[in-house]
Protein backbone atom coordinates (compact mmCIF):
# COMPACT_ATOMS: atom_id res chain seq x y z
CA MET A 1 -7.10 -17.90 1.46
CA ASP A 2 -9.10 -14.76 2.26
CA LYS A 3 -8.68 -11.52 0.91
CA ILE A 4 -9.10 -7.95 2.11
CA LYS A 5 -8.23 -5.12 -0.13
CA ILE A 6 -7.46 -1.48 0.14
CA ASN A 7 -8.03 0.05 -3.33
CA ASP A 8 -6.76 2.98 -4.99
CA LEU A 9 -5.46 4.73 -1.71
CA SER A 10 -4.17 8.23 -3.68
CA VAL A 11 -1.16 9.93 -1.45
CA ARG A 12 0.30 13.47 -2.46
CA THR A 13 4.22 12.81 -1.67
CA ILE A 14 7.49 13.31 -2.50
CA ILE A 15 8.67 10.43 -4.82
CA GLY A 16 11.46 10.17 -7.94
CA THR A 17 14.93 10.63 -8.79
CA GLU A 18 15.00 13.76 -10.85
CA ASP A 19 15.47 17.42 -9.09
CA TYR A 20 12.43 18.25 -10.34
CA GLU A 21 10.32 15.33 -8.91
CA ARG A 22 11.71 16.23 -5.69
CA GLU A 23 10.35 19.72 -5.57
CA GLU A 24 6.81 19.24 -5.20
CA ASP A 25 4.54 16.38 -3.70
CA GLN A 26 3.10 13.76 -6.65
CA GLU A 27 0.52 11.67 -6.76
CA VAL A 28 0.85 7.72 -5.94
CA VAL A 29 -1.92 5.16 -5.75
CA ILE A 30 -1.53 2.75 -3.61
CA ASN A 31 -3.31 -1.28 -3.55
CA VAL A 32 -2.97 -3.75 -1.18
CA THR A 33 -4.43 -7.05 -1.07
CA LEU A 34 -3.97 -8.98 2.60
CA PHE A 35 -4.35 -12.86 2.58
CA THR A 36 -5.91 -13.49 5.36
CA ASP A 37 -8.32 -16.01 7.28
CA VAL A 38 -11.79 -13.98 7.66
CA LEU A 39 -13.98 -16.95 8.63
CA GLU A 40 -14.29 -16.12 12.51
CA ALA A 41 -14.76 -12.62 12.05
CA GLY A 42 -17.70 -13.48 9.28
CA ARG A 43 -19.16 -15.82 12.25
CA THR A 44 -18.87 -13.51 15.09
CA ASP A 45 -19.19 -9.94 13.37
CA GLU A 46 -16.47 -9.01 15.87
CA LEU A 47 -13.27 -6.60 14.35
CA THR A 48 -10.80 -7.87 16.99
CA LYS A 49 -11.20 -11.70 14.67
CA THR A 50 -9.69 -9.81 11.37
CA VAL A 51 -7.74 -7.20 10.13
CA ASP A 52 -9.08 -3.76 11.14
CA TYR A 53 -8.01 -2.42 7.65
CA SER A 54 -9.34 1.55 8.54
CA GLU A 55 -6.12 1.57 11.05
CA LEU A 56 -4.16 -0.26 8.17
CA LYS A 57 -5.05 2.49 5.57
CA ASN A 58 -4.36 5.12 8.16
CA GLU A 59 -0.68 3.58 9.02
CA ILE A 60 0.22 3.20 5.00
CA TYR A 61 -1.31 6.65 4.07
CA GLU A 62 0.82 8.50 7.38
CA MET A 63 4.12 6.74 5.97
CA ALA A 64 3.33 7.72 2.41
CA ALA A 65 2.62 10.93 2.85
CA THR A 66 5.36 11.74 5.07
CA SER A 67 8.35 9.51 3.07
CA SER A 68 10.52 10.75 0.25
CA PHE A 69 11.63 7.79 -1.11
CA GLN A 70 13.25 7.79 -4.79
CA LEU A 71 11.44 4.55 -6.00
CA ILE A 72 7.87 3.36 -5.69
CA GLU A 73 9.91 0.07 -5.37
CA THR A 74 11.24 1.39 -1.80
CA MET A 75 7.74 2.47 -0.71
CA ALA A 76 6.14 -0.98 -2.23
CA GLU A 77 8.39 -2.71 -0.05
CA GLU A 78 7.39 -0.60 2.97
CA VAL A 79 3.51 -1.01 2.61
CA ALA A 80 3.99 -4.52 2.64
CA THR A 81 6.15 -4.75 5.71
CA ILE A 82 3.46 -2.24 7.36
CA ALA A 83 0.87 -5.04 6.24
CA LEU A 84 2.64 -8.02 7.16
CA GLY A 85 2.72 -6.74 10.81
CA TYR A 86 -0.73 -7.44 11.65
CA GLU A 87 -1.68 -10.60 12.98
CA GLY A 88 -3.19 -13.14 10.72
CA VAL A 89 -1.89 -11.36 7.25
CA SER A 90 0.52 -14.19 5.95
CA ARG A 91 1.18 -12.68 2.76
CA ALA A 92 0.85 -9.00 0.99
CA LYS A 93 0.14 -8.08 -2.49
CA VAL A 94 1.14 -4.29 -2.93
CA SER A 95 0.81 -2.42 -6.14
CA ILE A 96 2.44 1.39 -6.66
CA GLN A 97 1.21 3.36 -9.62
CA LYS A 98 2.91 6.85 -10.42
CA PRO A 99 0.58 8.79 -12.84
CA SER A 100 2.77 11.35 -13.42
CA ALA A 101 5.74 8.92 -14.04
CA LEU A 102 5.75 8.26 -18.19
CA ARG A 103 4.42 10.94 -21.16
CA PHE A 104 2.05 9.35 -22.98
CA ALA A 105 1.32 6.93 -20.64
CA ARG A 106 -1.77 6.73 -17.61
CA SER A 107 1.04 5.59 -15.15
CA ALA A 108 3.71 3.59 -13.97
CA GLU A 109 3.31 0.95 -11.54
CA VAL A 110 5.18 -1.57 -9.50
CA GLU A 111 3.54 -4.94 -8.19
CA ILE A 112 5.11 -7.09 -5.29
CA VAL A 113 3.96 -10.03 -3.32
CA ARG A 114 5.95 -10.66 0.13
CA ASP A 115 5.32 -13.48 2.57
CA ASN A 116 5.43 -13.79 6.39
């Protein structure tokens, strides 16, 4: 199965369970891998034969930037739902990192895989 990836999409949003986390936007970093067939797109050079990853990126960014989830797990589920809504996507792997989550650690991360 072929893959299309969106790597390191940085979004500032309200995220977290603590009161102080809900006062100001924090960064989350989103990675999405779409499992799809890109053979026809590769042969024809036509955007309509593949997933428009620019459109998908914009949809994910808008959702994340305007959300106020408590958990990155919930945000990951929403990103997977959006990705799986695109024609031809059979599986989506989503990881979300929260760089400010843990002292002395680069980030906390959740990774999920969902199928259509």
